[in-house]
């Protein structure tokens, strides 16, 4: 069947398929490589923002509000101790990670 295709199509289609497969693999590798960098960047920014809040909680005080960030104080079971509403979206594994 392929012999009935014009020469330009017999060259272009396989080249396009190989190029697409290569670019998909490259994008997946780049995504995996950038994920740790992205997480470290977010952690660093959050660390600077939440440092005063962590100090306040360790001292037994409620944290001061921070613009653009929602602060919640939870115990080790995930129960809010800041007087806010329950946090049902957190599972045991997420609470341990926090």
N, C-alpha and C. Protein backbone atom coordinates (compact mmCIF):
# COMPACT_ATOMS: atom_id res chain seq x y z
N UNK A 1 0.83 -1.20 0.00
CA UNK A 1 0.00 0.00 0.00
C UNK A 1 0.87 1.25 0.00
N UNK A 2 1.98 1.21 0.73
CA UNK A 2 2.82 2.39 0.83
C UNK A 2 3.49 2.72 -0.51
N UNK A 3 3.65 1.74 -1.36
CA UNK A 3 4.31 1.99 -2.65
C UNK A 3 3.44 2.86 -3.56
N UNK A 4 2.15 2.92 -3.29
CA UNK A 4 1.28 3.77 -4.11
C UNK A 4 1.30 5.22 -3.65
N UNK A 5 1.87 5.48 -2.48
CA UNK A 5 1.94 6.86 -1.98
C UNK A 5 3.03 7.60 -2.75
N UNK A 6 2.84 8.89 -2.94
CA UNK A 6 3.90 9.66 -3.61
C UNK A 6 5.17 9.70 -2.74
N UNK A 7 6.30 9.92 -3.38
CA UNK A 7 7.60 9.89 -2.69
C UNK A 7 7.64 10.89 -1.54
N UNK A 8 7.13 12.10 -1.72
CA UNK A 8 7.19 13.12 -0.66
C UNK A 8 6.41 12.67 0.56
N UNK A 9 5.33 11.93 0.36
CA UNK A 9 4.52 11.46 1.47
C UNK A 9 5.21 10.29 2.18
N UNK A 10 5.89 9.42 1.42
CA UNK A 10 6.61 8.29 2.02
C UNK A 10 7.77 8.78 2.88
N UNK A 11 8.30 9.93 2.59
CA UNK A 11 9.40 10.49 3.38
C UNK A 11 8.85 11.32 4.54
N UNK A 12 7.83 12.12 4.26
CA UNK A 12 7.32 13.07 5.25
C UNK A 12 6.61 12.38 6.41
N UNK A 13 5.78 11.40 6.16
CA UNK A 13 5.00 10.77 7.23
C UNK A 13 5.91 10.07 8.25
N UNK A 14 6.82 9.21 7.84
CA UNK A 14 7.70 8.60 8.85
C UNK A 14 8.57 9.62 9.59
N UNK A 15 9.05 10.63 8.86
CA UNK A 15 9.87 11.66 9.51
C UNK A 15 9.05 12.42 10.54
N UNK A 16 7.80 12.71 10.23
CA UNK A 16 6.94 13.42 11.17
C UNK A 16 6.63 12.56 12.39
N UNK A 17 6.41 11.27 12.19
CA UNK A 17 6.11 10.36 13.30
C UNK A 17 7.33 10.25 14.23
N UNK A 18 8.51 10.10 13.65
CA UNK A 18 9.73 10.00 14.45
C UNK A 18 9.97 11.31 15.21
N UNK A 19 9.78 12.43 14.54
CA UNK A 19 9.96 13.74 15.19
C UNK A 19 8.97 13.92 16.32
N UNK A 20 7.72 13.55 16.10
CA UNK A 20 6.70 13.67 17.14
C UNK A 20 7.05 12.80 18.34
N UNK A 21 7.47 11.56 18.10
CA UNK A 21 7.83 10.67 19.20
C UNK A 21 9.03 11.23 19.97
N UNK A 22 10.02 11.75 19.26
CA UNK A 22 11.19 12.33 19.92
C UNK A 22 10.80 13.53 20.76
N UNK A 23 9.99 14.43 20.23
CA UNK A 23 9.59 15.63 20.97
C UNK A 23 8.72 15.28 22.18
N UNK A 24 7.87 14.27 22.05
CA UNK A 24 7.06 13.85 23.19
C UNK A 24 7.96 13.30 24.30
N UNK A 25 8.92 12.48 23.94
CA UNK A 25 9.86 11.94 24.92
C UNK A 25 10.68 13.04 25.56
N UNK A 26 11.13 13.99 24.78
CA UNK A 26 11.91 15.11 25.30
C UNK A 26 11.08 15.96 26.26
N UNK A 27 9.83 16.20 25.93
CA UNK A 27 8.99 17.01 26.81
C UNK A 27 8.71 16.29 28.12
N UNK A 28 8.54 14.97 28.07
CA UNK A 28 8.32 14.21 29.30
C UNK A 28 9.57 14.21 30.17
N UNK A 29 10.73 14.06 29.56
CA UNK A 29 11.99 14.08 30.31
C UNK A 29 12.22 15.46 30.92
N UNK A 30 11.93 16.50 30.17
CA UNK A 30 12.11 17.86 30.69
C UNK A 30 11.15 18.13 31.84
N UNK A 31 9.93 17.65 31.73
CA UNK A 31 8.95 17.82 32.80
C UNK A 31 9.39 17.14 34.08
N UNK A 32 9.91 15.94 33.95
CA UNK A 32 10.41 15.22 35.13
C UNK A 32 11.62 15.92 35.72
N UNK A 33 12.45 16.47 34.88
CA UNK A 33 13.64 17.15 35.36
C UNK A 33 13.34 18.48 36.03
N UNK A 34 12.30 19.15 35.58
CA UNK A 34 11.96 20.46 36.13
C UNK A 34 11.10 20.39 37.39
N UNK A 35 10.43 19.26 37.61
CA UNK A 35 9.53 19.15 38.76
C UNK A 35 10.24 19.40 40.09
N UNK A 36 11.38 18.77 40.36
CA UNK A 36 12.05 19.06 41.64
C UNK A 36 12.47 20.52 41.78
N UNK A 37 12.90 21.12 40.70
CA UNK A 37 13.28 22.54 40.73
C UNK A 37 12.08 23.41 41.06
N UNK A 38 10.95 23.10 40.46
CA UNK A 38 9.72 23.85 40.72
C UNK A 38 9.28 23.70 42.17
N UNK A 39 9.36 22.49 42.70
CA UNK A 39 8.96 22.26 44.08
C UNK A 39 9.88 22.97 45.06
N UNK A 40 11.19 22.93 44.80
CA UNK A 40 12.13 23.64 45.69
C UNK A 40 11.88 25.14 45.67
N UNK A 41 11.54 25.66 44.50
CA UNK A 41 11.27 27.09 44.39
C UNK A 41 10.04 27.48 45.20
N UNK A 42 8.98 26.69 45.09
CA UNK A 42 7.76 26.96 45.84
C UNK A 42 8.00 26.81 47.33
N UNK A 43 8.74 25.76 47.71
CA UNK A 43 9.05 25.56 49.13
C UNK A 43 9.83 26.73 49.69
N UNK A 44 10.78 27.26 48.93
CA UNK A 44 11.59 28.39 49.40
C UNK A 44 10.72 29.62 49.59
N UNK A 45 9.83 29.88 48.63
CA UNK A 45 8.94 31.05 48.74
C UNK A 45 7.99 30.90 49.92
N UNK A 46 7.41 29.72 50.08
CA UNK A 46 6.50 29.50 51.20
C UNK A 46 7.22 29.58 52.53
N UNK A 47 8.45 29.07 52.56
CA UNK A 47 9.22 29.12 53.79
C UNK A 47 9.42 30.55 54.27
N UNK A 48 9.75 31.45 53.35
CA UNK A 48 9.93 32.86 53.71
C UNK A 48 8.63 33.49 54.19
N UNK A 49 7.55 33.13 53.54
CA UNK A 49 6.25 33.71 53.86
C UNK A 49 5.71 33.17 55.18
N UNK A 50 5.89 31.88 55.41
CA UNK A 50 5.26 31.25 56.57
C UNK A 50 6.16 31.16 57.80
N UNK A 51 7.40 31.62 57.68
CA UNK A 51 8.30 31.57 58.83
C UNK A 51 7.74 32.29 60.05
N UNK A 52 7.22 33.53 59.90
CA UNK A 52 6.63 34.20 61.07
C UNK A 52 5.41 33.45 61.62
N UNK A 53 4.63 32.84 60.75
CA UNK A 53 3.45 32.10 61.21
C UNK A 53 3.88 30.88 62.01
N UNK A 54 4.91 30.17 61.55
CA UNK A 54 5.39 29.00 62.28
C UNK A 54 5.92 29.40 63.65
N UNK A 55 6.62 30.52 63.72
CA UNK A 55 7.14 30.99 65.01
C UNK A 55 5.99 31.32 65.96
N UNK A 56 4.94 31.94 65.44
CA UNK A 56 3.78 32.29 66.27
C UNK A 56 3.11 31.03 66.80
N UNK A 57 2.92 30.04 65.96
CA UNK A 57 2.27 28.79 66.38
C UNK A 57 3.13 28.08 67.43
N UNK A 58 4.44 28.07 67.23
CA UNK A 58 5.32 27.43 68.21
C UNK A 58 5.26 28.14 69.55
N UNK A 59 5.00 29.45 69.52
CA UNK A 59 4.89 30.22 70.76
C UNK A 59 3.50 30.11 71.37
N UNK A 60 2.58 29.41 70.70
CA UNK A 60 1.23 29.23 71.23
C UNK A 60 0.27 30.34 70.85
N UNK A 61 0.64 31.18 69.90
CA UNK A 61 -0.23 32.27 69.46
C UNK A 61 -0.80 31.94 68.08
N UNK A 62 -1.90 32.61 67.75
CA UNK A 62 -2.46 32.48 66.41
C UNK A 62 -1.58 33.24 65.43
N UNK A 63 -1.37 32.71 64.24
CA UNK A 63 -0.52 33.40 63.27
C UNK A 63 -1.18 34.67 62.75
N UNK A 64 -0.36 35.65 62.42
CA UNK A 64 -0.87 36.88 61.81
C UNK A 64 -1.24 36.59 60.36
N UNK A 65 -2.27 37.27 59.85
CA UNK A 65 -2.64 37.05 58.45
C UNK A 65 -1.52 37.45 57.50
N UNK A 66 -1.39 36.72 56.40
CA UNK A 66 -0.41 37.02 55.37
C UNK A 66 -1.18 37.25 54.07
N UNK A 67 -0.90 38.35 53.40
CA UNK A 67 -1.62 38.69 52.16
C UNK A 67 -1.40 37.60 51.10
N UNK A 68 -2.49 37.11 50.54
CA UNK A 68 -2.43 36.13 49.46
C UNK A 68 -2.24 34.69 49.89
N UNK A 69 -2.18 34.44 51.21
CA UNK A 69 -1.97 33.08 51.71
C UNK A 69 -3.04 32.76 52.75
N UNK A 70 -3.63 31.58 52.65
CA UNK A 70 -4.59 31.13 53.66
C UNK A 70 -3.83 30.30 54.68
N UNK A 71 -3.82 30.75 55.91
CA UNK A 71 -3.12 30.04 56.98
C UNK A 71 -4.12 29.25 57.81
N UNK A 72 -3.81 27.99 58.04
CA UNK A 72 -4.63 27.14 58.91
C UNK A 72 -3.70 26.48 59.91
N UNK A 73 -4.17 26.30 61.14
CA UNK A 73 -3.40 25.60 62.16
C UNK A 73 -4.15 24.30 62.47
N UNK A 74 -3.47 23.17 62.22
CA UNK A 74 -4.06 21.85 62.43
C UNK A 74 -3.22 21.08 63.43
N UNK A 75 -3.88 20.20 64.20
CA UNK A 75 -3.10 19.32 65.07
C UNK A 75 -2.61 18.14 64.24
N UNK A 76 -1.95 17.20 64.87
CA UNK A 76 -1.37 16.09 64.11
C UNK A 76 -2.41 15.14 63.53
N UNK A 77 -3.66 15.24 63.98
CA UNK A 77 -4.73 14.43 63.39
C UNK A 77 -5.43 15.16 62.24
N UNK A 78 -5.05 16.41 61.99
CA UNK A 78 -5.68 17.19 60.93
C UNK A 78 -6.89 17.96 61.39
N UNK A 79 -7.12 18.01 62.69
CA UNK A 79 -8.25 18.76 63.24
C UNK A 79 -7.84 20.22 63.41
N UNK A 80 -8.65 21.15 62.89
CA UNK A 80 -8.28 22.56 63.02
C UNK A 80 -8.29 23.01 64.49
N UNK A 81 -7.25 23.71 64.88
CA UNK A 81 -7.20 24.28 66.22
C UNK A 81 -7.23 25.81 66.16
N UNK A 82 -7.47 26.32 64.96
CA UNK A 82 -7.51 27.77 64.78
C UNK A 82 -8.94 28.31 64.79
N UNK A 83 -9.92 27.46 65.11
CA UNK A 83 -11.30 27.90 65.15
C UNK A 83 -11.98 27.92 63.79
N UNK A 84 -11.28 27.49 62.75
CA UNK A 84 -11.86 27.48 61.41
C UNK A 84 -12.66 26.22 61.15
N UNK A 85 -13.18 26.13 59.94
CA UNK A 85 -13.99 24.98 59.57
C UNK A 85 -13.11 23.74 59.39
N UNK A 86 -13.71 22.54 59.47
CA UNK A 86 -12.93 21.31 59.29
C UNK A 86 -12.27 21.26 57.91
N UNK A 87 -11.24 20.47 57.80
CA UNK A 87 -10.48 20.35 56.56
C UNK A 87 -10.63 18.91 56.06
N UNK A 88 -11.73 18.59 55.39
CA UNK A 88 -11.97 17.20 54.99
C UNK A 88 -11.10 16.75 53.82
N UNK A 89 -10.49 17.68 53.10
CA UNK A 89 -9.75 17.30 51.90
C UNK A 89 -8.41 16.65 52.23
N UNK A 90 -7.94 16.77 53.47
CA UNK A 90 -6.65 16.18 53.84
C UNK A 90 -6.83 14.76 54.35
N UNK A 91 -6.11 13.85 53.75
CA UNK A 91 -6.13 12.47 54.21
C UNK A 91 -4.96 12.22 55.15
N UNK A 92 -4.92 11.05 55.79
CA UNK A 92 -3.85 10.75 56.73
C UNK A 92 -2.45 10.87 56.11
N UNK A 93 -2.28 10.44 54.87
CA UNK A 93 -0.97 10.53 54.23
C UNK A 93 -0.56 11.98 54.02
N UNK A 94 -1.52 12.83 53.65
CA UNK A 94 -1.21 14.25 53.44
C UNK A 94 -0.86 14.92 54.75
N UNK A 95 -1.56 14.57 55.81
CA UNK A 95 -1.29 15.17 57.12
C UNK A 95 0.10 14.77 57.59
N UNK A 96 0.47 13.50 57.39
CA UNK A 96 1.82 13.06 57.79
C UNK A 96 2.89 13.82 56.99
N UNK A 97 2.61 14.07 55.71
CA UNK A 97 3.57 14.79 54.87
C UNK A 97 3.75 16.22 55.31
N UNK A 98 2.67 16.83 55.83
CA UNK A 98 2.78 18.21 56.29
C UNK A 98 3.51 18.26 57.60
